[in-house]
Amino acid sequence: MKEDVQQQVSELEEQYSRGQISRRDFLRALALLGIGLGLGEVTAACSPAADAVRPSAASATPTALHREWINDPGFGEVTPGPAPTSPWAGQPVAGSSAAAEPAAAGPTPAEEQASPTAPEAPQQPPAAKVFCWSCTSCRERFPNLDALERHTLKVHWRRIPEIRQVDEPTYARFIVGELERFDERNTAFCREVWDKEYQAQLQAAAALAPPLNAKGIEGRALGAGAIFVDDYAGSFNPEYRGYDGRQREGGGLYSWDEEPSPERFPVDDPEWMTARVKQVARFFGASLVGITKVDPRWVYSHYFERTTGKTGKLEIRYRYAVVIATEMDWDFVNTSPDWEASAAAALGYSHMVEVAGSLARYIRMLGYPAVPSGNDTAQSIPLAIDAGLGELGRNGLLLTPEFGPRVRLCKVFTDLPLIPDRPIDFGIQTFCETCHSCAQSCPVDAIQWGDRSTEVPSICNRKGLLRWTVDTARCYLYWKENGKSCGNCMAACPWAFQNPRDWLEYPKQ
């Protein structure tokens, strides 16, 4: 069995080196099929150069994946294409130990002889001899990897790990020190406003950005349209450009100034009210909704407004947070780090302000205080985990069973009588220990390989947690160098696929 697995991985590496599948598809295929088919531990750190770069990160056994050569023109000819390229291919990142992208090359004669599945010199026209992908569960054949993935998620979806409700969030066992409240001023985006040293680094990175061409002009226009709702109505401060959330004294959809209606709706049944709030949130455009008591550890110690530069100590009095996730378009996310992926994120922010603002207005009209929040006031990811929406992944993002990391998060703080949800466990802490797709896809090596650590790379990261730390300061530097945002870690995640998951309403045990 072990020999079979090694052989199949070798075949995938051969396809990747020939340019017949991209690196992202190579990594994601292994990990995704490990989820969909339940074939055991998987790893995404098994590209041709991974062993040489980080031997310890590729120690787990990949999932079985079968590819065979057939003489069936009905599947269509597969012509090896050029080697996969990326904006950072062959260009080492300053201060990074990551190896350059492996160059495309065919197998050596010795490798041809050693591989039991490598095709011999064809005795017939090459167009008649093609390869196909086979499902390891039912052996059905498919002409390409996309068709196999669709089949896997449609036919074998019940083998995806169950979603269990648990008494405490899965991050709880990784809290190893005192968690001081995090200062919003220390996020990478806020440091861009006040930190002179980081400003210089960002300016130097921006100087490396490629010049704006015709595609960039159209892409920039796409992003401007996507962020328009947040930019125009998130705050009425003329300097506000979206993305930040609440601006004090700015008005707009993120405003906290509106008072509750004097006519209060009686809530005799908090369970019914909870179900109704979730239904209304989905009606307004939420993809996922969860409720949690506000844990003060996740509330920022100080607020900071990038638009105005205002800062100060922060306290909130609200008891509950209704946490909302809005799905991001898979086709656009999958173009990362190109313009469409940036636009997908921008549209997510517009959806955030629409849903959060509308839900807050709904609750205030019931006669209860409620305020909308985007990236402001409190850290959305731990609140979302507490609210049962997902778990923390290696990429530092919330991973949901339904959409993986492909969501944007917002919340509404309120005192409306509600019933909190329980956190969930669907195996992400174990899964991310062996899957390195996000780390492999990061162009600047900002995502931690190997085991969890308590070390932090900069003031952008909070202390006291044993986790896979993401160097967000370095990540944002790459955004400047790229000339647009990057979501490679999101697109590469096996859980991010858009698919016909019939189990979206699968009951949590």
Protein backbone atom coordinates (compact mmCIF):
# COMPACT_ATOMS: atom_id res chain seq x y z
CA MET A 1 0.00 0.00 0.00
CA LYS A 2 2.80 2.39 0.91
CA GLU A 3 4.51 1.70 -2.42
CA ASP A 4 1.26 2.41 -4.28
CA VAL A 5 0.89 5.76 -2.56
CA GLN A 6 4.47 6.73 -3.34
CA GLN A 7 3.96 5.74 -6.96
CA GLN A 8 0.81 7.82 -7.27
CA VAL A 9 2.48 10.86 -5.73
CA SER A 10 5.34 10.44 -8.21
CA GLU A 11 2.83 10.46 -11.04
CA LEU A 12 1.32 13.72 -9.78
CA GLU A 13 4.77 15.26 -9.50
CA GLU A 14 5.46 14.19 -13.08
CA GLN A 15 2.28 15.87 -14.31
CA TYR A 16 3.19 19.03 -12.42
CA SER A 17 6.75 19.11 -13.76
CA ARG A 18 5.42 18.68 -17.33
CA GLY A 19 3.05 21.61 -16.86
CA GLN A 20 -0.05 19.45 -17.31
CA ILE A 21 -1.46 20.60 -13.95
CA SER A 22 -0.73 23.80 -12.08
CA ARG A 23 0.99 23.85 -8.72
CA ARG A 24 -2.18 25.03 -7.04
CA ASP A 25 -4.22 22.20 -8.59
CA PHE A 26 -1.51 19.73 -7.68
CA LEU A 27 -1.54 20.76 -4.01
CA ARG A 28 -5.27 21.21 -3.75
CA ALA A 29 -6.06 17.89 -5.45
CA LEU A 30 -4.22 15.88 -2.85
CA ALA A 31 -5.73 17.68 0.10
CA LEU A 32 -9.24 18.03 -1.28
CA LEU A 33 -9.54 14.39 -2.16
CA GLY A 34 -8.26 13.54 1.28
CA ILE A 35 -11.29 15.34 2.66
CA GLY A 36 -13.83 14.19 0.14
CA LEU A 37 -12.87 10.55 0.11
CA GLY A 38 -11.67 10.18 3.69
CA LEU A 39 -8.52 8.36 2.59
CA GLY A 40 -6.38 9.28 5.56
CA GLU A 41 -3.74 11.89 6.19
CA VAL A 42 -2.82 14.26 3.41
CA THR A 43 -0.15 16.82 2.79
CA ALA A 44 0.14 19.71 0.44
CA ALA A 45 3.86 20.25 0.95
CA CYS A 46 4.92 17.72 -1.64
CA SER A 47 5.79 19.75 -4.70
CA PRO A 48 8.97 18.67 -6.52
CA ALA A 49 11.03 21.20 -4.55
CA ALA A 50 9.38 20.79 -1.14
CA ASP A 51 11.66 18.08 0.22
CA ALA A 52 14.72 20.12 -0.57
CA VAL A 53 13.29 23.24 1.01
CA ARG A 54 11.52 21.89 4.10
CA PRO A 55 11.86 18.15 4.67
CA SER A 56 9.94 18.23 7.95
CA ALA A 57 6.86 19.76 6.34
CA ALA A 58 6.32 16.85 3.95
CA SER A 59 6.40 13.99 6.40
CA ALA A 60 2.75 12.90 6.21
CA THR A 61 1.46 10.35 3.73
CA PRO A 62 -0.56 11.90 0.89
CA THR A 63 -3.92 10.56 -0.13
CA ALA A 64 -4.20 7.92 -2.81
CA LEU A 65 -4.98 9.40 -6.21
CA HIS A 66 -5.15 7.29 -9.36
CA ARG A 67 -4.23 8.41 -12.86
CA GLU A 68 -3.90 6.04 -15.79
CA TRP A 69 -3.15 6.13 -19.49
CA ILE A 70 -5.81 4.88 -21.87
CA ASN A 71 -6.28 4.56 -25.62
CA ASP A 72 -9.63 6.29 -25.75
CA PRO A 73 -9.88 9.38 -28.00
CA GLY A 74 -13.30 10.04 -26.45
CA PHE A 75 -11.59 11.58 -23.47
CA GLY A 76 -9.86 14.11 -25.69
CA GLU A 77 -6.17 14.73 -26.18
CA VAL A 78 -4.23 16.25 -23.32
CA THR A 79 -1.36 18.32 -24.60
CA PRO A 80 1.36 19.17 -22.11
CA GLY A 81 1.46 22.94 -21.71
CA PRO A 82 4.18 25.28 -20.53
CA ALA A 83 5.39 25.18 -16.96
CA PRO A 84 3.11 26.99 -14.51
CA THR A 85 4.29 30.50 -13.81
CA SER A 86 3.48 33.18 -11.30
CA PRO A 87 4.47 36.81 -10.73
CA TRP A 88 7.13 35.70 -8.25
CA ALA A 89 8.42 32.65 -10.19
CA GLY A 90 12.20 32.47 -10.11
CA GLN A 91 12.47 35.66 -8.06
CA PRO A 92 13.63 34.98 -4.49
CA VAL A 93 11.93 37.15 -1.90
CA ALA A 94 14.26 39.29 0.15
CA GLY A 95 14.79 37.71 3.52
CA SER A 96 12.98 34.52 2.49
CA SER A 97 14.41 31.02 2.43
CA ALA A 98 11.82 29.85 -0.07
CA ALA A 99 13.28 28.22 -3.14
CA ALA A 100 12.51 29.53 -6.58
CA GLU A 101 9.68 28.00 -8.57
CA PRO A 102 10.86 24.67 -10.05
CA ALA A 103 11.50 24.93 -13.75
CA ALA A 104 9.45 22.77 -16.09
CA ALA A 105 11.38 19.75 -17.23
CA GLY A 106 10.59 16.28 -18.42
CA PRO A 107 11.79 13.20 -16.54
CA THR A 108 15.33 12.02 -17.07
CA PRO A 109 15.90 8.65 -18.76
CA ALA A 110 16.65 7.16 -15.34
CA GLU A 111 13.37 8.47 -13.97
CA GLU A 112 11.51 7.10 -16.99
CA GLN A 113 12.97 3.68 -16.30
CA ALA A 114 12.28 3.84 -12.54
CA SER A 115 8.64 4.86 -12.86
CA PRO A 116 6.41 1.81 -13.42
CA THR A 117 3.61 3.95 -14.84
CA ALA A 118 5.58 6.24 -17.11
CA PRO A 119 4.36 5.70 -20.69
CA GLU A 120 6.76 4.10 -23.11
CA ALA A 121 7.47 5.56 -26.51
CA PRO A 122 4.08 5.54 -28.26
CA GLN A 123 3.52 2.96 -30.97
CA GLN A 124 0.63 4.99 -32.33
CA PRO A 125 -0.16 8.64 -33.00
CA PRO A 126 0.25 10.62 -29.76
CA ALA A 127 -3.25 12.07 -30.05
CA ALA A 128 -4.76 8.63 -29.44
CA LYS A 129 -2.94 8.02 -26.16
CA VAL A 130 -4.13 10.23 -23.30
CA PHE A 131 -4.39 10.02 -19.56
CA CYS A 132 -7.51 10.09 -17.45
CA TRP A 133 -8.29 10.46 -13.76
CA SER A 134 -9.96 7.64 -11.84
CA CYS A 135 -11.99 7.84 -8.66
CA THR A 136 -10.32 5.67 -6.04
CA SER A 137 -13.70 4.80 -4.49
CA CYS A 138 -15.78 3.72 -7.48
CA ARG A 139 -13.12 3.62 -10.23
CA GLU A 140 -15.18 5.80 -12.58
CA ARG A 141 -12.96 7.58 -15.10
CA PHE A 142 -12.87 11.28 -15.89
CA PRO A 143 -11.11 13.28 -18.61
CA ASN A 144 -9.74 15.95 -16.29
CA LEU A 145 -9.20 16.82 -12.65
CA ASP A 146 -12.11 19.26 -12.48
CA ALA A 147 -14.55 16.53 -13.52
CA LEU A 148 -13.13 14.19 -10.87
CA GLU A 149 -13.47 16.86 -8.19
CA ARG A 150 -17.10 17.51 -9.13
CA HIS A 151 -17.82 13.78 -9.00
CA THR A 152 -16.08 13.45 -5.62
CA LEU A 153 -18.07 16.21 -3.98
CA LYS A 154 -21.38 15.15 -5.53
CA VAL A 155 -21.23 11.39 -5.02
CA HIS A 156 -18.93 10.88 -2.03
CA TRP A 157 -19.77 13.93 0.06
CA ARG A 158 -21.01 11.92 3.06
CA ARG A 159 -17.43 10.92 3.83
CA ILE A 160 -16.51 14.49 4.68
CA PRO A 161 -15.76 14.75 8.43
CA GLU A 162 -18.73 15.33 10.68
CA ILE A 163 -19.37 18.65 12.32
CA ARG A 164 -19.53 18.31 16.11
CA GLN A 165 -20.67 20.92 18.57
CA VAL A 166 -18.25 21.21 21.48
CA ASP A 167 -18.26 22.90 24.87
CA GLU A 168 -15.27 25.14 24.20
CA PRO A 169 -13.67 26.42 20.98
CA THR A 170 -10.84 24.34 19.54
CA TYR A 171 -8.40 27.22 20.03
CA ALA A 172 -8.86 27.02 23.82
CA ARG A 173 -6.26 24.29 24.32
CA PHE A 174 -3.67 26.42 22.51
CA ILE A 175 -3.89 29.38 24.88
CA VAL A 176 -0.60 29.11 26.74
CA GLY A 177 -0.25 32.53 28.33
CA GLU A 178 -2.20 35.53 29.46
CA LEU A 179 -4.07 37.04 26.57
CA GLU A 180 -3.87 40.78 26.75
CA ARG A 181 -6.37 42.63 24.62
CA PHE A 182 -4.92 43.54 21.26
CA ASP A 183 -4.40 47.15 20.23
CA GLU A 184 -6.00 47.90 16.85
CA ARG A 185 -3.21 50.39 16.18
CA ASN A 186 -0.83 47.45 15.72
CA THR A 187 -2.60 45.86 12.76
CA ALA A 188 -0.63 46.09 9.51
CA PHE A 189 -3.25 48.35 7.94
CA CYS A 190 -3.16 50.78 10.85
CA ARG A 191 0.63 50.76 11.08
CA GLU A 192 0.62 52.10 7.54
CA VAL A 193 -0.78 55.36 8.98
CA TRP A 194 1.39 55.97 12.04
CA ASP A 195 4.49 53.71 11.94
CA LYS A 196 7.25 55.63 10.09
CA GLU A 197 9.56 52.64 9.78
CA TYR A 198 6.82 50.42 8.36
CA GLN A 199 5.70 53.25 6.08
CA ALA A 200 9.18 53.33 4.53
CA GLN A 201 9.08 49.58 3.94
CA LEU A 202 5.67 49.83 2.31
CA GLN A 203 6.82 52.67 0.06
CA ALA A 204 9.86 50.68 -1.02
CA ALA A 205 7.66 47.68 -1.81
CA ALA A 206 5.17 49.83 -3.74
CA ALA A 207 8.01 51.14 -5.91
CA LEU A 208 8.45 47.57 -7.20
CA ALA A 209 4.84 47.26 -8.32
CA PRO A 210 4.38 46.67 -12.06
CA PRO A 211 3.19 49.67 -14.09
CA LEU A 212 -0.53 49.95 -14.68
CA ASN A 213 -1.49 48.50 -18.06
CA ALA A 214 -4.84 48.09 -19.80
CA LYS A 215 -5.69 45.03 -17.75
CA GLY A 216 -4.83 46.93 -14.58
CA ILE A 217 -7.08 49.84 -15.54
CA GLU A 218 -10.01 47.46 -16.01
CA GLY A 219 -9.15 45.56 -12.84
CA ARG A 220 -8.95 48.75 -10.81
CA ALA A 221 -12.37 49.75 -12.16
CA LEU A 222 -13.74 46.35 -11.16
CA GLY A 223 -12.46 46.82 -7.63
CA ALA A 224 -13.87 50.34 -7.44
CA GLY A 225 -17.30 49.06 -8.37
CA ALA A 226 -17.02 46.21 -5.87
CA ILE A 227 -16.17 48.45 -2.90
CA PHE A 228 -18.59 51.20 -3.96
CA VAL A 229 -21.30 50.49 -1.37
CA ASP A 230 -18.84 50.48 1.54
CA ASP A 231 -16.89 53.43 0.12
CA TYR A 232 -19.98 55.54 -0.50
CA ALA A 233 -22.20 54.60 2.44
CA GLY A 234 -20.08 52.82 5.06
CA SER A 235 -19.17 56.24 6.42
CA PHE A 236 -20.06 59.69 5.13
CA ASN A 237 -16.63 61.04 6.00
CA PRO A 238 -15.35 62.26 2.59
CA GLU A 239 -11.94 60.70 3.29
CA TYR A 240 -13.36 57.25 3.96
CA ARG A 241 -12.50 54.72 1.22
CA GLY A 242 -14.11 51.61 2.59
CA TYR A 243 -12.69 48.52 4.31
CA ASP A 244 -12.26 49.99 7.82
CA GLY A 245 -15.70 49.89 9.41
CA ARG A 246 -17.00 52.31 11.99
CA GLN A 247 -15.81 55.92 11.86
CA ARG A 248 -16.87 57.96 14.88
CA GLU A 249 -18.97 60.99 14.00
CA GLY A 250 -18.93 59.88 10.38
CA GLY A 251 -22.49 58.64 10.02
CA GLY A 252 -23.27 56.07 7.33
CA LEU A 253 -24.30 52.43 7.48
CA TYR A 254 -21.69 51.67 10.18
CA SER A 255 -22.94 54.46 12.43
CA TRP A 256 -23.62 53.77 16.10
CA ASP A 257 -25.61 56.97 16.63
CA GLU A 258 -29.16 55.75 15.97
CA GLU A 259 -31.24 55.16 19.11
CA PRO A 260 -33.53 52.11 19.54
CA SER A 261 -37.22 52.52 18.85
CA PRO A 262 -39.27 53.45 21.96
CA GLU A 263 -41.79 50.75 20.99
CA ARG A 264 -40.19 47.52 22.22
CA PHE A 265 -41.09 44.14 20.77
CA PRO A 266 -41.65 41.68 23.65
CA VAL A 267 -39.25 38.72 23.58
CA ASP A 268 -40.87 35.99 25.63
CA ASP A 269 -39.03 33.22 23.81
CA PRO A 270 -35.31 33.95 23.21
CA GLU A 271 -34.98 30.70 21.25
CA TRP A 272 -37.58 31.88 18.75
CA MET A 273 -35.95 35.32 18.60
CA THR A 274 -32.58 33.71 17.91
CA ALA A 275 -33.96 31.70 15.01
CA ARG A 276 -35.71 34.78 13.67
CA VAL A 277 -32.58 36.94 13.82
CA LYS A 278 -30.66 34.30 11.87
CA GLN A 279 -33.44 34.06 9.31
CA VAL A 280 -33.52 37.84 8.90
CA ALA A 281 -29.73 38.04 8.58
CA ARG A 282 -29.79 35.46 5.79
CA PHE A 283 -32.64 37.38 4.17
CA PHE A 284 -30.44 40.50 4.19
CA GLY A 285 -27.64 38.58 2.49
CA ALA A 286 -25.68 36.65 5.12
CA SER A 287 -24.28 33.29 4.06
CA LEU A 288 -23.68 32.08 7.63
CA VAL A 289 -24.88 33.42 10.99
CA GLY A 290 -23.87 32.55 14.54
CA ILE A 291 -24.36 34.10 17.97
CA THR A 292 -21.97 34.34 20.88
CA LYS A 293 -21.58 36.17 24.15
CA VAL A 294 -18.96 38.88 23.76
CA ASP A 295 -15.65 37.65 25.15
CA PRO A 296 -13.83 40.82 26.27
CA ARG A 297 -10.48 39.27 25.30
CA TRP A 298 -11.39 39.76 21.64
CA VAL A 299 -12.40 43.42 22.02
CA TYR A 300 -9.58 45.79 21.00
CA SER A 301 -7.91 47.61 23.88
CA HIS A 302 -7.74 50.76 21.73
CA TYR A 303 -9.55 51.75 18.57
CA PHE A 304 -7.78 53.45 15.66
CA GLU A 305 -9.38 55.15 12.68
CA ARG A 306 -7.18 55.14 9.60
CA THR A 307 -9.25 57.89 7.99
CA THR A 308 -9.06 60.38 10.85
CA GLY A 309 -6.10 59.12 12.87
CA LYS A 310 -8.23 59.16 16.02
CA THR A 311 -7.43 56.65 18.73
CA GLY A 312 -8.49 55.94 22.30
CA LYS A 313 -9.33 53.26 24.83
CA LEU A 314 -12.20 51.02 23.90
CA GLU A 315 -14.96 49.39 25.93
CA ILE A 316 -18.30 48.04 24.77
CA ARG A 317 -21.28 47.25 26.94
CA TYR A 318 -23.18 44.90 24.65
CA ARG A 319 -23.75 41.32 25.75
CA TYR A 320 -24.06 39.46 22.44
CA ALA A 321 -22.44 39.49 19.02
CA VAL A 322 -24.35 38.27 15.99
CA VAL A 323 -21.49 37.15 13.74
CA ILE A 324 -22.11 37.10 10.01
CA ALA A 325 -20.11 35.53 7.18
CA THR A 326 -20.67 36.46 3.54
CA GLU A 327 -19.40 34.14 0.83
CA MET A 328 -16.81 35.37 -1.67
CA ASP A 329 -17.05 34.36 -5.33
CA TRP A 330 -14.94 31.27 -5.98
CA ASP A 331 -14.12 31.97 -9.64
CA PHE A 332 -12.75 35.41 -8.77
CA VAL A 333 -10.94 34.28 -5.61
CA ASN A 334 -9.22 31.56 -7.62
CA THR A 335 -7.48 34.16 -9.81
CA SER A 336 -5.33 35.36 -6.88
CA PRO A 337 -3.12 37.33 -6.81
CA ASP A 338 -4.81 39.07 -9.76
CA TRP A 339 -7.35 41.87 -9.93
CA GLU A 340 -10.46 39.68 -9.82
CA ALA A 341 -9.46 38.26 -6.44
CA SER A 342 -9.00 41.78 -5.06
CA ALA A 343 -12.45 42.67 -6.36
CA ALA A 344 -13.95 39.60 -4.67
CA ALA A 345 -12.60 40.82 -1.34
CA ALA A 346 -13.83 44.37 -2.02
CA LEU A 347 -17.33 43.13 -2.83
CA GLY A 348 -17.26 41.16 0.41
CA TYR A 349 -16.72 44.41 2.32
CA SER A 350 -19.68 45.99 0.55
CA HIS A 351 -21.81 43.00 1.49
CA MET A 352 -20.58 43.28 5.08
CA VAL A 353 -21.78 46.84 5.54
CA GLU A 354 -25.10 46.08 3.87
CA VAL A 355 -25.92 43.05 6.02
CA ALA A 356 -24.54 44.37 9.31
CA GLY A 357 -26.15 47.79 8.85
CA SER A 358 -29.51 46.30 7.88
CA LEU A 359 -29.55 43.80 10.75
CA ALA A 360 -28.60 46.47 13.29
CA ARG A 361 -31.45 48.66 12.02
CA TYR A 362 -33.87 45.70 12.29
CA ILE A 363 -32.90 45.07 15.92
CA ARG A 364 -33.06 48.76 16.83
CA MET A 365 -36.55 48.96 15.35
CA LEU A 366 -37.50 46.12 17.73
CA GLY A 367 -36.58 48.49 20.55
CA TYR A 368 -33.17 47.05 21.49
CA PRO A 369 -29.70 48.58 21.15
CA ALA A 370 -27.63 47.23 18.27
CA VAL A 371 -24.55 48.52 16.46
CA PRO A 372 -22.90 47.21 13.26
CA SER A 373 -19.20 46.42 13.08
CA GLY A 374 -16.86 45.55 10.25
CA ASN A 375 -13.12 45.27 10.86
CA ASP A 376 -13.47 47.64 13.81
CA THR A 377 -14.03 47.25 17.57
CA ALA A 378 -13.22 43.54 18.01
CA GLN A 379 -11.41 40.70 16.29
CA SER A 380 -13.95 38.98 14.07
CA ILE A 381 -12.27 35.58 13.70
CA PRO A 382 -12.29 34.48 17.37
CA LEU A 383 -15.84 35.82 17.73
CA ALA A 384 -16.87 33.76 14.69
CA ILE A 385 -15.22 30.67 16.17
CA ASP A 386 -17.06 31.25 19.46
CA ALA A 387 -20.30 31.61 17.47
CA GLY A 388 -19.85 28.17 15.89
CA LEU A 389 -19.04 29.27 12.34
CA GLY A 390 -15.72 27.45 11.99
CA GLU A 391 -12.19 26.94 13.25
CA LEU A 392 -8.85 28.72 12.95
CA GLY A 393 -6.68 27.36 10.12
CA ARG A 394 -2.98 27.36 9.40
CA ASN A 395 -3.47 30.38 7.15
CA GLY A 396 -4.67 32.44 10.12
CA LEU A 397 -8.18 32.63 8.67
CA LEU A 398 -11.52 31.27 9.77
CA LEU A 399 -12.20 27.95 8.02
CA THR A 400 -15.89 27.16 7.70
CA PRO A 401 -17.25 23.73 6.71
CA GLU A 402 -19.33 25.35 3.99
CA PHE A 403 -16.89 27.74 2.28
CA GLY A 404 -13.52 27.23 3.91
CA PRO A 405 -11.76 30.61 4.30
CA ARG A 406 -13.69 32.12 1.38
CA VAL A 407 -15.79 34.47 3.54
CA ARG A 408 -15.76 38.01 4.90
CA LEU A 409 -16.79 38.58 8.51
CA CYS A 410 -18.80 41.29 10.23
CA LYS A 411 -20.87 41.42 13.40
CA VAL A 412 -23.67 43.23 15.18
CA PHE A 413 -23.34 43.90 18.90
CA THR A 414 -26.64 43.91 20.77
CA ASP A 415 -28.49 43.31 24.02
CA LEU A 416 -31.46 41.66 22.32
CA PRO A 417 -32.26 38.45 24.31
CA LEU A 418 -30.64 35.63 22.31
CA ILE A 419 -29.34 32.09 22.77
CA PRO A 420 -25.59 31.71 22.02
CA ASP A 421 -24.42 28.97 19.69
CA ARG A 422 -21.83 26.39 20.66
CA PRO A 423 -18.41 26.20 18.97
CA ILE A 424 -17.81 23.41 16.45
CA ASP A 425 -15.05 20.93 15.69
CA PHE A 426 -14.85 19.42 12.22
CA GLY A 427 -11.25 18.30 12.30
CA ILE A 428 -9.40 21.39 11.11
CA GLN A 429 -6.78 21.33 13.87
CA THR A 430 -5.66 17.87 12.78
CA PHE A 431 -6.14 18.54 9.08
CA CYS A 432 -4.00 21.68 9.03
CA GLU A 433 -1.16 19.87 10.79
CA THR A 434 -0.50 17.87 7.63
CA CYS A 435 -1.85 20.17 4.90
CA HIS A 436 0.52 22.95 3.85
CA SER A 437 -1.34 24.22 0.77
CA CYS A 438 -1.57 27.76 2.10
CA ALA A 439 2.08 27.88 3.16
CA GLN A 440 3.17 26.46 -0.17
CA SER A 441 1.12 29.02 -2.09
CA CYS A 442 2.35 32.10 -0.20
CA PRO A 443 4.73 34.09 -2.44
CA VAL A 444 6.64 35.60 0.49
CA ASP A 445 6.70 32.70 2.94
CA ALA A 446 4.51 34.56 5.45
CA ILE A 447 2.63 31.45 6.63
CA GLN A 448 4.28 29.18 9.19
CA TRP A 449 5.40 25.70 8.19
CA GLY A 450 5.56 22.72 10.50
CA ASP A 451 4.42 22.79 14.11
CA ARG A 452 2.64 25.54 16.01
CA SER A 453 4.73 28.11 17.83
CA THR A 454 4.34 30.89 20.39
CA GLU A 455 6.84 33.14 18.62
CA VAL A 456 5.51 36.25 16.90
CA PRO A 457 7.26 38.00 13.98
CA SER A 458 6.11 41.56 14.74
CA ILE A 459 3.76 43.71 16.82
CA CYS A 460 1.04 42.83 14.30
CA ASN A 461 0.64 39.50 16.12
CA ARG A 462 -0.67 38.96 19.64
CA LYS A 463 1.18 36.84 22.18
CA GLY A 464 0.00 34.02 24.42
CA LEU A 465 -1.19 31.62 21.71
CA LEU A 466 0.36 28.41 20.44
CA ARG A 467 -0.54 28.58 16.77
CA TRP A 468 0.62 28.82 13.18
CA THR A 469 1.53 32.49 13.13
CA VAL A 470 1.04 34.48 9.94
CA ASP A 471 3.46 37.33 9.34
CA THR A 472 0.78 39.85 8.39
CA ALA A 473 3.27 42.70 8.15
CA ARG A 474 5.20 40.83 5.50
CA CYS A 475 2.00 39.78 3.78
CA TYR A 476 0.91 43.41 3.41
CA LEU A 477 4.31 44.35 2.00
CA TYR A 478 3.71 41.86 -0.79
CA TRP A 479 0.33 43.45 -1.50
CA LYS A 480 2.13 46.72 -2.16
CA GLU A 481 4.73 45.03 -4.35
CA ASN A 482 2.00 43.18 -6.24
CA GLY A 483 0.02 46.36 -6.79
CA LYS A 484 -3.12 44.64 -5.55
CA SER A 485 -4.15 42.36 -2.69
CA CYS A 486 -3.26 38.66 -2.51
CA GLY A 487 -5.49 35.77 -1.46
CA ASN A 488 -3.35 32.81 -2.48
CA CYS A 489 -3.70 31.19 0.94
CA MET A 490 -7.46 31.41 0.56
CA ALA A 491 -7.59 30.11 -3.00
CA ALA A 492 -5.19 27.25 -2.27
CA CYS A 493 -7.12 25.98 0.74
CA PRO A 494 -8.85 22.66 -0.09
CA TRP A 495 -11.93 23.80 1.82
CA ALA A 496 -12.36 26.87 -0.41
CA PHE A 497 -13.75 25.04 -3.43
CA GLN A 498 -17.14 26.09 -4.71
CA ASN A 499 -19.10 22.89 -5.03
CA PRO A 500 -22.59 21.39 -4.82
CA ARG A 501 -22.23 20.48 -1.15
CA ASP A 502 -25.56 18.90 -0.30
CA TRP A 503 -24.50 18.89 3.35
CA LEU A 504 -24.63 22.66 3.90
CA GLU A 505 -27.58 22.08 6.21
CA TYR A 506 -26.04 18.95 7.70
CA PRO A 507 -27.06 18.90 11.37
CA LYS A 508 -24.33 19.59 13.91
CA GLN A 509 -24.06 16.76 16.43
